Protein backbone atom coordinates (compact mmCIF):
# COMPACT_ATOMS: atom_id res chain seq x y z
CA UNK A 1 70.65 -21.18 -6.72
CA UNK A 2 69.07 -18.40 -4.69
CA UNK A 3 71.86 -17.77 -2.16
CA UNK A 4 75.10 -16.40 -3.57
CA UNK A 5 77.07 -15.95 -0.32
CA UNK A 6 76.90 -14.70 3.25
CA UNK A 7 76.49 -10.92 3.14
CA UNK A 8 76.88 -10.33 6.87
CA UNK A 9 76.55 -11.66 10.37
CA UNK A 10 74.79 -9.07 12.54
CA UNK A 11 75.72 -8.66 16.19
CA UNK A 12 73.54 -6.49 18.43
CA UNK A 13 75.55 -4.35 20.86
CA UNK A 14 74.74 -1.79 23.54
CA UNK A 15 77.72 0.47 22.84
CA UNK A 16 78.73 0.66 19.18
CA UNK A 17 81.92 2.62 19.84
CA UNK A 18 83.12 0.08 22.40
CA UNK A 19 82.28 -2.83 20.09
CA UNK A 20 84.21 -1.19 17.22
CA UNK A 21 87.13 -0.56 19.54
CA UNK A 22 87.08 -4.20 20.70
CA UNK A 23 87.18 -5.51 17.10
CA UNK A 24 90.04 -3.12 16.35
CA UNK A 25 92.02 -4.33 19.40
CA UNK A 26 91.21 -8.02 18.98
CA UNK A 27 91.46 -8.38 15.21
CA UNK A 28 93.03 -5.20 13.84
CA UNK A 29 89.71 -4.67 12.06
CA UNK A 30 88.72 -1.40 10.43
CA UNK A 31 85.22 -0.11 9.79
CA UNK A 32 84.45 -0.39 6.08
CA UNK A 33 81.04 1.32 6.18
CA UNK A 34 78.99 3.08 8.82
CA UNK A 35 75.39 4.20 8.56
CA UNK A 36 72.31 5.18 10.55
CA UNK A 37 69.18 3.54 9.15
CA UNK A 38 66.43 5.83 10.46
CA UNK A 39 63.60 3.59 9.23
CA UNK A 40 64.83 0.71 11.41
CA UNK A 41 66.11 2.84 14.31
CA UNK A 42 69.63 1.41 14.13
CA UNK A 43 73.20 2.48 13.62
CA UNK A 44 75.55 -0.03 12.07
CA UNK A 45 79.25 -0.39 11.49
CA UNK A 46 80.41 -2.93 8.92
CA UNK A 47 83.75 -4.66 9.29
CA UNK A 48 84.84 -6.35 6.07
CA UNK A 49 85.90 -10.00 6.26
CA UNK A 50 86.84 -11.28 2.79
CA UNK A 51 83.73 -10.56 0.67
CA UNK A 52 81.37 -10.47 3.67
CA UNK A 53 80.86 -8.32 6.75
CA UNK A 54 80.47 -8.41 10.48
CA UNK A 55 77.68 -5.93 11.12
CA UNK A 56 77.84 -4.37 14.57
CA UNK A 57 74.45 -2.79 15.19
CA UNK A 58 72.88 -0.77 17.99
CA UNK A 59 69.58 0.97 18.58
CA UNK A 60 69.09 4.67 17.94
CA UNK A 61 65.64 4.69 19.56
CA UNK A 62 63.83 2.67 22.21
CA UNK A 63 61.17 1.22 19.90
CA UNK A 64 63.55 -0.29 17.34
CA UNK A 65 63.82 -4.07 16.85
CA UNK A 66 67.44 -3.97 18.04
CA UNK A 67 66.43 -2.12 21.24
CA UNK A 68 63.80 -4.78 21.94
CA UNK A 69 66.29 -7.57 21.21
CA UNK A 70 68.92 -6.05 23.53
CA UNK A 71 66.33 -5.56 26.29
CA UNK A 72 65.16 -9.17 26.20
CA UNK A 73 68.24 -11.13 25.10
CA UNK A 74 71.23 -8.85 25.63
CA UNK A 75 74.14 -8.50 23.26
CA UNK A 76 74.89 -11.18 20.71
CA UNK A 77 74.11 -12.69 17.35
CA UNK A 78 71.02 -11.01 15.93
CA UNK A 79 70.67 -12.27 12.35
CA UNK A 80 72.44 -13.58 9.28
CA UNK A 81 72.27 -11.73 5.98
CA UNK A 82 72.30 -13.90 2.86
CA UNK A 83 73.29 -12.24 -0.41
CA UNK A 84 70.89 -13.02 -3.26
CA UNK A 85 70.66 -11.93 -6.90
CA UNK A 86 66.90 -11.31 -6.73
CA UNK A 87 65.50 -10.36 -3.34
CA UNK A 88 61.85 -10.66 -4.35
CA UNK A 89 62.42 -14.02 -6.05
CA UNK A 90 64.30 -15.31 -3.00
CA UNK A 91 61.57 -14.02 -0.67
CA UNK A 92 58.84 -15.75 -2.70
CA UNK A 93 60.84 -19.00 -2.82
CA UNK A 94 61.31 -18.92 0.95
CA UNK A 95 57.60 -18.26 1.53
CA UNK A 96 56.75 -21.16 -0.80
CA UNK A 97 59.10 -23.34 1.27
CA UNK A 98 57.22 -22.44 4.46
CA UNK A 99 59.13 -19.39 5.72
CA UNK A 100 57.27 -16.69 7.63
CA UNK A 101 58.13 -13.26 6.18
CA UNK A 102 58.53 -10.16 8.29
CA UNK A 103 58.65 -8.04 5.13
CA UNK A 104 55.90 -8.97 2.67
CA UNK A 105 57.84 -7.18 -0.09
CA UNK A 106 61.50 -6.17 -0.35
CA UNK A 107 62.46 -2.70 0.89
CA UNK A 108 65.48 -0.39 0.87
CA UNK A 109 68.36 -1.42 3.16
CA UNK A 110 71.71 0.09 4.09
CA UNK A 111 74.47 0.57 1.49
CA UNK A 112 71.81 1.04 -1.20
CA UNK A 113 70.75 -2.60 -0.98
CA UNK A 114 67.30 -4.14 -1.24
CA UNK A 115 66.37 -6.34 1.72
CA UNK A 116 63.64 -8.52 3.21
CA UNK A 117 63.57 -10.20 6.62
CA UNK A 118 62.34 -13.71 7.39
CA UNK A 119 61.05 -14.49 10.90
CA UNK A 120 62.97 -17.07 12.97
CA UNK A 121 59.75 -19.07 13.34
CA UNK A 122 59.70 -21.08 10.15
CA UNK A 123 63.45 -20.66 9.59
CA UNK A 124 64.76 -23.02 12.27
CA UNK A 125 65.24 -20.28 14.86
CA UNK A 126 67.36 -17.91 12.76
CA UNK A 127 66.34 -14.38 11.78
CA UNK A 128 67.32 -14.13 8.11
CA UNK A 129 67.90 -11.02 6.03
CA UNK A 130 67.88 -11.42 2.24
CA UNK A 131 70.25 -8.84 0.71
CA UNK A 132 70.35 -7.82 -2.95
CA UNK A 133 73.16 -5.47 -3.90
């Protein structure tokens, strides 16, 4: 089996501090990890839920994918991260199954992970991130 579990559900937000504060008020949630990923132009805050995360993410620059998403669609569900044992193997299996890769090869992600994104076209409308710890 390629998928081992849900790594995270990513939610794009305009104001990361307000989103964190909301999750604290609504759920008593605490930020487990926070990081700026310069390469992608995002800042993220991870809230742990069992062995997975809610990833609150916002843009750090106007040309980032999250900035473009927020400008066209507003806040909301951005992508789902699936945890895999072998990111490259999972990426190749998805391509063989008809998926359209955004990343042709896996690359470094946050938390020291290796990641690859799959375009929503070819994945039933869902942006997918493959995450290898």
